[in-house]
Amino acid sequence: MDIKIVEDKGNRLEFEIDETVGFLNALKKELLNDNNVKAAAYSVKHPLVGKPRMIVEADDPRKALNAAVGRIKKLNEKFAADVKKEIK
């Protein structure tokens, strides 16, 4: 996964990411669950050209982003364990 920081000023972090909108939707939703996050959004200029760009505004956007990714990872691990248990 390629990430390119476009802007990192104070409480605003903007980056391009080589990922699908499905992942970005999950990340945005998880970011917005954090009370310290003031805004989280992404845009895609064209689905066939360019990379999605995400903006996070928070007290500490890097910390909020890392925490959101950690929560998504735990949720994914729990889902995988539940699927394995049910398929046995």
PDB file of N, CA and C in Angstrom:
ATOM      1  N   MET A   1       0.849  -1.163   0.000  1.00  0.00           N
ATOM      2  CA  MET A   1       0.000   0.000   0.000  1.00  0.00           C
ATOM      3  C   MET A   1       0.903   1.237   0.000  1.00  0.00           C
ATOM      4  N   ASP A   2       0.769   2.048  -1.026  1.00  0.00           N
ATOM      5  CA  ASP A   2       1.565   3.273  -1.127  1.00  0.00           C
ATOM      6  C   ASP A   2       0.799   4.445  -0.528  1.00  0.00           C
ATOM      7  N   ILE A   3       1.473   5.201   0.335  1.00  0.00           N
ATOM      8  CA  ILE A   3       0.893   6.399   0.941  1.00  0.00           C
ATOM      9  C   ILE A   3       1.848   7.563   0.680  1.00  0.00           C
ATOM     10  N   LYS A   4       1.291   8.662   0.186  1.00  0.00           N
ATOM     11  CA  LYS A   4       2.083   9.856  -0.079  1.00  0.00           C
ATOM     12  C   LYS A   4       1.454  11.019   0.686  1.00  0.00           C
ATOM     13  N   ILE A   5       2.204  11.590   1.627  1.00  0.00           N
ATOM     14  CA  ILE A   5       1.724  12.738   2.391  1.00  0.00           C
ATOM     15  C   ILE A   5       1.705  13.958   1.468  1.00  0.00           C
ATOM     16  N   VAL A   6       0.541  14.592   1.383  1.00  0.00           N
ATOM     17  CA  VAL A   6       0.378  15.784   0.557  1.00  0.00           C
ATOM     18  C   VAL A   6       0.502  17.037   1.425  1.00  0.00           C
ATOM     19  N   GLU A   7      -0.096  16.976   2.631  1.00  0.00           N
ATOM     20  CA  GLU A   7      -0.038  18.114   3.552  1.00  0.00           C
ATOM     21  C   GLU A   7      -0.052  17.593   4.984  1.00  0.00           C
ATOM     22  N   ASP A   8       0.814  18.158   5.798  1.00  0.00           N
ATOM     23  CA  ASP A   8       0.882  17.792   7.215  1.00  0.00           C
ATOM     24  C   ASP A   8       1.148  19.075   7.999  1.00  0.00           C
ATOM     25  N   LYS A   9       0.048  19.765   8.327  1.00  0.00           N
ATOM     26  CA  LYS A   9       0.162  21.048   9.028  1.00  0.00           C
ATOM     27  C   LYS A   9      -0.752  21.050  10.241  1.00  0.00           C
ATOM     28  N   GLY A  10      -0.162  21.138  11.410  1.00  0.00           N
ATOM     29  CA  GLY A  10      -0.943  21.252  12.643  1.00  0.00           C
ATOM     30  C   GLY A  10      -1.937  20.123  12.822  1.00  0.00           C
ATOM     31  N   ASN A  11      -3.213  20.467  12.748  1.00  0.00           N
ATOM     32  CA  ASN A  11      -4.251  19.463  13.008  1.00  0.00           C
ATOM     33  C   ASN A  11      -4.846  18.894  11.719  1.00  0.00           C
ATOM     34  N   ARG A  12      -4.144  19.072  10.588  1.00  0.00           N
ATOM     35  CA  ARG A  12      -4.652  18.593   9.301  1.00  0.00           C
ATOM     36  C   ARG A  12      -3.604  17.710   8.622  1.00  0.00           C
ATOM     37  N   LEU A  13      -4.049  16.532   8.205  1.00  0.00           N
ATOM     38  CA  LEU A  13      -3.199  15.603   7.470  1.00  0.00           C
ATOM     39  C   LEU A  13      -3.937  15.221   6.197  1.00  0.00           C
ATOM     40  N   GLU A  14      -3.270  15.401   5.073  1.00  0.00           N
ATOM     41  CA  GLU A  14      -3.855  15.023   3.789  1.00  0.00           C
ATOM     42  C   GLU A  14      -2.869  14.096   3.093  1.00  0.00           C
ATOM     43  N   PHE A  15      -3.381  12.981   2.578  1.00  0.00           N
ATOM     44  CA  PHE A  15      -2.503  12.027   1.927  1.00  0.00           C
ATOM     45  C   PHE A  15      -3.207  11.317   0.783  1.00  0.00           C
ATOM     46  N   GLU A  16      -2.400  10.857  -0.174  1.00  0.00           N
ATOM     47  CA  GLU A  16      -2.884  10.006  -1.254  1.00  0.00           C
ATOM     48  C   GLU A  16      -2.571   8.577  -0.864  1.00  0.00           C
ATOM     49  N   ILE A  17      -3.495   7.687  -1.220  1.00  0.00           N
ATOM     50  CA  ILE A  17      -3.316   6.293  -0.852  1.00  0.00           C
ATOM     51  C   ILE A  17      -3.760   5.400  -2.000  1.00  0.00           C
ATOM     52  N   ASP A  18      -2.997   4.398  -2.264  1.00  0.00           N
ATOM     53  CA  ASP A  18      -3.300   3.458  -3.341  1.00  0.00           C
ATOM     54  C   ASP A  18      -4.164   2.331  -2.768  1.00  0.00           C
ATOM     55  N   GLU A  19      -5.449   2.632  -2.561  1.00  0.00           N
ATOM     56  CA  GLU A  19      -6.379   1.689  -1.932  1.00  0.00           C
ATOM     57  C   GLU A  19      -7.761   1.863  -2.531  1.00  0.00           C
ATOM     58  N   THR A  20      -8.638   0.901  -2.253  1.00  0.00           N
ATOM     59  CA  THR A  20     -10.003   0.944  -2.779  1.00  0.00           C
ATOM     60  C   THR A  20     -10.899   1.794  -1.881  1.00  0.00           C
ATOM     61  N   VAL A  21     -12.030   2.210  -2.444  1.00  0.00           N
ATOM     62  CA  VAL A  21     -12.958   3.016  -1.654  1.00  0.00           C
ATOM     63  C   VAL A  21     -13.577   2.196  -0.521  1.00  0.00           C
ATOM     64  N   GLY A  22     -13.635   0.882  -0.646  1.00  0.00           N
ATOM     65  CA  GLY A  22     -14.137   0.050   0.450  1.00  0.00           C
ATOM     66  C   GLY A  22     -13.297   0.225   1.702  1.00  0.00           C
ATOM     67  N   PHE A  23     -11.985   0.169   1.539  1.00  0.00           N
ATOM     68  CA  PHE A  23     -11.083   0.385   2.672  1.00  0.00           C
ATOM     69  C   PHE A  23     -11.211   1.806   3.195  1.00  0.00           C
ATOM     70  N   LEU A  24     -11.277   2.771   2.281  1.00  0.00           N
ATOM     71  CA  LEU A  24     -11.370   4.171   2.695  1.00  0.00           C
ATOM     72  C   LEU A  24     -12.668   4.450   3.444  1.00  0.00           C
ATOM     73  N   ASN A  25     -13.761   3.815   3.043  1.00  0.00           N
ATOM     74  CA  ASN A  25     -15.023   3.975   3.777  1.00  0.00           C
ATOM     75  C   ASN A  25     -14.887   3.453   5.203  1.00  0.00           C
ATOM     76  N   ALA A  26     -14.274   2.284   5.356  1.00  0.00           N
ATOM     77  CA  ALA A  26     -14.080   1.709   6.693  1.00  0.00           C
ATOM     78  C   ALA A  26     -13.177   2.607   7.542  1.00  0.00           C
ATOM     79  N   LEU A  27     -12.118   3.121   6.933  1.00  0.00           N
ATOM     80  CA  LEU A  27     -11.195   3.990   7.652  1.00  0.00           C
ATOM     81  C   LEU A  27     -11.877   5.295   8.056  1.00  0.00           C
ATOM     82  N   LYS A  28     -12.633   5.882   7.146  1.00  0.00           N
ATOM     83  CA  LYS A  28     -13.342   7.126   7.457  1.00  0.00           C
ATOM     84  C   LYS A  28     -14.334   6.911   8.596  1.00  0.00           C
ATOM     85  N   LYS A  29     -15.078   5.819   8.531  1.00  0.00           N
ATOM     86  CA  LYS A  29     -16.063   5.521   9.579  1.00  0.00           C
ATOM     87  C   LYS A  29     -15.368   5.361  10.931  1.00  0.00           C
ATOM     88  N   GLU A  30     -14.267   4.649  10.951  1.00  0.00           N
ATOM     89  CA  GLU A  30     -13.548   4.425  12.209  1.00  0.00           C
ATOM     90  C   GLU A  30     -12.935   5.712  12.727  1.00  0.00           C
ATOM     91  N   LEU A  31     -12.431   6.541  11.851  1.00  0.00           N
ATOM     92  CA  LEU A  31     -11.891   7.837  12.274  1.00  0.00           C
ATOM     93  C   LEU A  31     -12.976   8.699  12.911  1.00  0.00           C
ATOM     94  N   LEU A  32     -14.158   8.703  12.311  1.00  0.00           N
ATOM     95  CA  LEU A  32     -15.243   9.535  12.825  1.00  0.00           C
ATOM     96  C   LEU A  32     -15.808   9.019  14.150  1.00  0.00           C
ATOM     97  N   ASN A  33     -15.462   7.791  14.536  1.00  0.00           N
ATOM     98  CA  ASN A  33     -15.847   7.267  15.850  1.00  0.00           C
ATOM     99  C   ASN A  33     -14.973   7.840  16.965  1.00  0.00           C
ATOM    100  N   ASP A  34     -13.883   8.496  16.603  1.00  0.00           N
ATOM    101  CA  ASP A  34     -12.942   9.076  17.557  1.00  0.00           C
ATOM    102  C   ASP A  34     -13.382  10.509  17.880  1.00  0.00           C
ATOM    103  N   ASN A  35     -13.601  10.806  19.151  1.00  0.00           N
ATOM    104  CA  ASN A  35     -14.058  12.138  19.567  1.00  0.00           C
ATOM    105  C   ASN A  35     -13.040  13.241  19.271  1.00  0.00           C
ATOM    106  N   ASN A  36     -11.772  12.896  19.115  1.00  0.00           N
ATOM    107  CA  ASN A  36     -10.738  13.884  18.820  1.00  0.00           C
ATOM    108  C   ASN A  36     -10.664  14.238  17.337  1.00  0.00           C
ATOM    109  N   VAL A  37     -11.361  13.474  16.497  1.00  0.00           N
ATOM    110  CA  VAL A  37     -11.355  13.738  15.057  1.00  0.00           C
ATOM    111  C   VAL A  37     -12.475  14.711  14.732  1.00  0.00           C
ATOM    112  N   LYS A  38     -12.104  15.818  14.123  1.00  0.00           N
ATOM    113  CA  LYS A  38     -13.082  16.848  13.750  1.00  0.00           C
ATOM    114  C   LYS A  38     -13.660  16.589  12.371  1.00  0.00           C
ATOM    115  N   ALA A  39     -12.853  16.013  11.463  1.00  0.00           N
ATOM    116  CA  ALA A  39     -13.310  15.723  10.108  1.00  0.00           C
ATOM    117  C   ALA A  39     -12.466  14.611   9.513  1.00  0.00           C
ATOM    118  N   ALA A  40     -13.112  13.787   8.707  1.00  0.00           N
ATOM    119  CA  ALA A  40     -12.429  12.732   7.959  1.00  0.00           C
ATOM    120  C   ALA A  40     -13.214  12.536   6.673  1.00  0.00           C
ATOM    121  N   ALA A  41     -12.523  12.654   5.553  1.00  0.00           N
ATOM    122  CA  ALA A  41     -13.185  12.509   4.261  1.00  0.00           C
ATOM    123  C   ALA A  41     -12.160  12.094   3.222  1.00  0.00           C
ATOM    124  N   TYR A  42     -12.670  11.566   2.124  1.00  0.00           N
ATOM    125  CA  TYR A  42     -11.786  11.247   1.019  1.00  0.00           C
ATOM    126  C   TYR A  42     -12.475  11.634  -0.283  1.00  0.00           C
ATOM    127  N   SER A  43     -11.681  11.785  -1.320  1.00  0.00           N
ATOM    128  CA  SER A  43     -12.230  12.087  -2.637  1.00  0.00           C
ATOM    129  C   SER A  43     -11.453  11.313  -3.689  1.00  0.00           C
ATOM    130  N   VAL A  44     -12.141  11.027  -4.763  1.00  0.00           N
ATOM    131  CA  VAL A  44     -11.532  10.360  -5.905  1.00  0.00           C
ATOM    132  C   VAL A  44     -11.923  11.187  -7.130  1.00  0.00           C
ATOM    133  N   LYS A  45     -10.944  11.791  -7.781  1.00  0.00           N
ATOM    134  CA  LYS A  45     -11.256  12.647  -8.930  1.00  0.00           C
ATOM    135  C   LYS A  45     -11.896  11.853 -10.062  1.00  0.00           C
ATOM    136  N   HIS A  46     -11.380  10.661 -10.306  1.00  0.00           N
ATOM    137  CA  HIS A  46     -11.938   9.784 -11.334  1.00  0.00           C
ATOM    138  C   HIS A  46     -11.595   8.353 -10.954  1.00  0.00           C
ATOM    139  N   PRO A  47     -12.569   7.437 -11.016  1.00  0.00           N
ATOM    140  CA  PRO A  47     -12.317   6.070 -10.549  1.00  0.00           C
ATOM    141  C   PRO A  47     -11.247   5.312 -11.339  1.00  0.00           C
ATOM    142  N   LEU A  48     -10.981   5.720 -12.576  1.00  0.00           N
ATOM    143  CA  LEU A  48      -9.998   5.007 -13.388  1.00  0.00           C
ATOM    144  C   LEU A  48      -8.624   5.674 -13.418  1.00  0.00           C
ATOM    145  N   VAL A  49      -8.560   6.922 -12.966  1.00  0.00           N
ATOM    146  CA  VAL A  49      -7.313   7.674 -13.057  1.00  0.00           C
ATOM    147  C   VAL A  49      -7.007   8.315 -11.701  1.00  0.00           C
ATOM    148  N   GLY A  50      -5.763   8.285 -11.315  1.00  0.00           N
ATOM    149  CA  GLY A  50      -5.366   8.951 -10.080  1.00  0.00           C
ATOM    150  C   GLY A  50      -5.594   8.095  -8.851  1.00  0.00           C
ATOM    151  N   LYS A  51      -5.177   8.637  -7.743  1.00  0.00           N
ATOM    152  CA  LYS A  51      -5.291   7.938  -6.462  1.00  0.00           C
ATOM    153  C   LYS A  51      -6.252   8.701  -5.564  1.00  0.00           C
ATOM    154  N   PRO A  52      -6.974   7.970  -4.714  1.00  0.00           N
ATOM    155  CA  PRO A  52      -7.837   8.648  -3.745  1.00  0.00           C
ATOM    156  C   PRO A  52      -6.995   9.505  -2.802  1.00  0.00           C
ATOM    157  N   ARG A  53      -7.596  10.587  -2.341  1.00  0.00           N
ATOM    158  CA  ARG A  53      -6.945  11.500  -1.411  1.00  0.00           C
ATOM    159  C   ARG A  53      -7.810  11.592  -0.164  1.00  0.00           C
ATOM    160  N   MET A  54      -7.200  11.418   1.007  1.00  0.00           N
ATOM    161  CA  MET A  54      -7.921  11.453   2.271  1.00  0.00           C
ATOM    162  C   MET A  54      -7.427  12.624   3.112  1.00  0.00           C
ATOM    163  N   ILE A  55      -8.383  13.244   3.813  1.00  0.00           N
ATOM    164  CA  ILE A  55      -8.088  14.356   4.710  1.00  0.00           C
ATOM    165  C   ILE A  55      -8.564  13.984   6.109  1.00  0.00           C
ATOM    166  N   VAL A  56      -7.700  14.196   7.086  1.00  0.00           N
ATOM    167  CA  VAL A  56      -8.043  13.954   8.491  1.00  0.00           C
ATOM    168  C   VAL A  56      -7.719  15.223   9.265  1.00  0.00           C
ATOM    169  N   GLU A  57      -8.715  15.736   9.970  1.00  0.00           N
ATOM    170  CA  GLU A  57      -8.501  16.880  10.854  1.00  0.00           C
ATOM    171  C   GLU A  57      -8.807  16.431  12.274  1.00  0.00           C
ATOM    172  N   ALA A  58      -7.816  16.575  13.140  1.00  0.00           N
ATOM    173  CA  ALA A  58      -7.931  16.107  14.527  1.00  0.00           C
ATOM    174  C   ALA A  58      -6.907  16.832  15.376  1.00  0.00           C
ATOM    175  N   ASP A  59      -7.032  16.667  16.699  1.00  0.00           N
ATOM    176  CA  ASP A  59      -6.035  17.237  17.603  1.00  0.00           C
ATOM    177  C   ASP A  59      -4.642  16.748  17.210  1.00  0.00           C
ATOM    178  N   ASP A  60      -4.518  15.452  16.954  1.00  0.00           N
ATOM    179  CA  ASP A  60      -3.276  14.838  16.477  1.00  0.00           C
ATOM    180  C   ASP A  60      -3.672  13.849  15.381  1.00  0.00           C
ATOM    181  N   PRO A  61      -3.712  14.280  14.116  1.00  0.00           N
ATOM    182  CA  PRO A  61      -4.227  13.419  13.050  1.00  0.00           C
ATOM    183  C   PRO A  61      -3.434  12.133  12.842  1.00  0.00           C
ATOM    184  N   ARG A  62      -2.126  12.176  13.033  1.00  0.00           N
ATOM    185  CA  ARG A  62      -1.336  10.939  12.867  1.00  0.00           C
ATOM    186  C   ARG A  62      -1.695   9.918  13.951  1.00  0.00           C
ATOM    187  N   LYS A  63      -1.845  10.391  15.169  1.00  0.00           N
ATOM    188  CA  LYS A  63      -2.222   9.498  16.275  1.00  0.00           C
ATOM    189  C   LYS A  63      -3.615   8.931  16.033  1.00  0.00           C
ATOM    190  N   ALA A  64      -4.556   9.761  15.589  1.00  0.00           N
ATOM    191  CA  ALA A  64      -5.922   9.301  15.314  1.00  0.00           C
ATOM    192  C   ALA A  64      -5.938   8.281  14.192  1.00  0.00           C
ATOM    193  N   LEU A  65      -5.141   8.510  13.161  1.00  0.00           N
ATOM    194  CA  LEU A  65      -5.071   7.580  12.033  1.00  0.00           C
ATOM    195  C   LEU A  65      -4.506   6.238  12.470  1.00  0.00           C
ATOM    196  N   ASN A  66      -3.430   6.257  13.240  1.00  0.00           N
ATOM    197  CA  ASN A  66      -2.840   5.005  13.740  1.00  0.00           C
ATOM    198  C   ASN A  66      -3.808   4.248  14.638  1.00  0.00           C
ATOM    199  N   ALA A  67      -4.534   4.960  15.487  1.00  0.00           N
ATOM    200  CA  ALA A  67      -5.504   4.310  16.370  1.00  0.00           C
ATOM    201  C   ALA A  67      -6.643   3.691  15.564  1.00  0.00           C
ATOM    202  N   ALA A  68      -7.127   4.400  14.556  1.00  0.00           N
ATOM    203  CA  ALA A  68      -8.220   3.878  13.721  1.00  0.00           C
ATOM    204  C   ALA A  68      -7.780   2.625  12.969  1.00  0.00           C
ATOM    205  N   VAL A  69      -6.573   2.644  12.437  1.00  0.00           N
ATOM    206  CA  VAL A  69      -6.053   1.472  11.729  1.00  0.00           C
ATOM    207  C   VAL A  69      -5.923   0.292  12.697  1.00  0.00           C
ATOM    208  N   GLY A  70      -5.486   0.543  13.916  1.00  0.00           N
ATOM    209  CA  GLY A  70      -5.384  -0.514  14.924  1.00  0.00           C
ATOM    210  C   GLY A  70      -6.738  -1.124  15.247  1.00  0.00           C
ATOM    211  N   ARG A  71      -7.766  -0.279  15.365  1.00  0.00           N
ATOM    212  CA  ARG A  71      -9.122  -0.798  15.648  1.00  0.00           C
ATOM    213  C   ARG A  71      -9.661  -1.617  14.473  1.00  0.00           C
ATOM    214  N   ILE A  72      -9.384  -1.180  13.257  1.00  0.00           N
ATOM    215  CA  ILE A  72      -9.816  -1.941  12.077  1.00  0.00           C
ATOM    216  C   ILE A  72      -9.101  -3.285  12.043  1.00  0.00           C
ATOM    217  N   LYS A  73      -7.834  -3.293  12.367  1.00  0.00           N
ATOM    218  CA  LYS A  73      -7.058  -4.544  12.373  1.00  0.00           C
ATOM    219  C   LYS A  73      -7.642  -5.529  13.388  1.00  0.00           C
ATOM    220  N   LYS A  74      -7.960  -5.051  14.592  1.00  0.00           N
ATOM    221  CA  LYS A  74      -8.555  -5.929  15.612  1.00  0.00           C
ATOM    222  C   LYS A  74      -9.912  -6.465  15.158  1.00  0.00           C
ATOM    223  N   LEU A  75     -10.714  -5.613  14.550  1.00  0.00           N
ATOM    224  CA  LEU A  75     -12.017  -6.035  14.055  1.00  0.00           C
ATOM    225  C   LEU A  75     -11.867  -7.095  12.972  1.00  0.00           C
ATOM    226  N   ASN A  76     -10.905  -6.914  12.089  1.00  0.00           N
ATOM    227  CA  ASN A  76     -10.648  -7.873  11.021  1.00  0.00           C
ATOM    228  C   ASN A  76     -10.180  -9.217  11.590  1.00  0.00           C
ATOM    229  N   GLU A  77      -9.309  -9.172  12.591  1.00  0.00           N
ATOM    230  CA  GLU A  77      -8.835 -10.411  13.219  1.00  0.00           C
ATOM    231  C   GLU A  77      -9.978 -11.157  13.904  1.00  0.00           C
ATOM    232  N   LYS A  78     -10.869 -10.430  14.573  1.00  0.00           N
ATOM    233  CA  LYS A  78     -12.021 -11.053  15.219  1.00  0.00           C
ATOM    234  C   LYS A  78     -12.944 -11.669  14.180  1.00  0.00           C
ATOM    235  N   PHE A  79     -13.177 -10.965  13.090  1.00  0.00           N
ATOM    236  CA  PHE A  79     -14.024 -11.479  12.022  1.00  0.00           C
ATOM    237  C   PHE A  79     -13.433 -12.770  11.443  1.00  0.00           C
ATOM    238  N   ALA A  80     -12.135 -12.782  11.187  1.00  0.00           N
ATOM    239  CA  ALA A  80     -11.479 -13.972  10.650  1.00  0.00           C
ATOM    240  C   ALA A  80     -11.599 -15.153  11.620  1.00  0.00           C
ATOM    241  N   ALA A  81     -11.426 -14.903  12.909  1.00  0.00           N
ATOM    242  CA  ALA A  81     -11.551 -15.962  13.908  1.00  0.00           C
ATOM    243  C   ALA A  81     -12.983 -16.497  13.968  1.00  0.00           C
ATOM    244  N   ASP A  82     -13.965 -15.598  13.894  1.00  0.00           N
ATOM    245  CA  ASP A  82     -15.369 -16.014  13.911  1.00  0.00           C
ATOM    246  C   ASP A  82     -15.713 -16.848  12.683  1.00  0.00           C
ATOM    247  N   VAL A  83     -15.189 -16.468  11.544  1.00  0.00           N
ATOM    248  CA  VAL A  83     -15.447 -17.227  10.309  1.00  0.00           C
ATOM    249  C   VAL A  83     -14.838 -18.628  10.416  1.00  0.00           C
ATOM    250  N   LYS A  84     -13.602 -18.717  10.898  1.00  0.00           N
ATOM    251  CA  LYS A  84     -12.947 -20.028  11.059  1.00  0.00           C
ATOM    252  C   LYS A  84     -13.757 -20.907  12.006  1.00  0.00           C
ATOM    253  N   LYS A  85     -14.257 -20.328  13.086  1.00  0.00           N
ATOM    254  CA  LYS A  85     -15.022 -21.093  14.074  1.00  0.00           C
ATOM    255  C   LYS A  85     -16.319 -21.619  13.459  1.00  0.00           C
ATOM    256  N   GLU A  86     -16.993 -20.818  12.667  1.00  0.00           N
ATOM    257  CA  GLU A  86     -18.263 -21.208  12.066  1.00  0.00           C
ATOM    258  C   GLU A  86     -18.112 -22.197  10.929  1.00  0.00           C
ATOM    259  N   ILE A  87     -17.007 -22.167  10.212  1.00  0.00           N
ATOM    260  CA  ILE A  87     -16.832 -23.024   9.048  1.00  0.00           C
ATOM    261  C   ILE A  87     -16.369 -24.419   9.444  1.00  0.00           C
ATOM    262  N   LYS A  88     -15.793 -24.591  10.595  1.00  0.00           N
ATOM    263  CA  LYS A  88     -15.305 -25.907  11.028  1.00  0.00           C
ATOM    264  C   LYS A  88     -16.365 -26.948  11.043  1.00  0.00           C
TER     265      LYS A  88
END
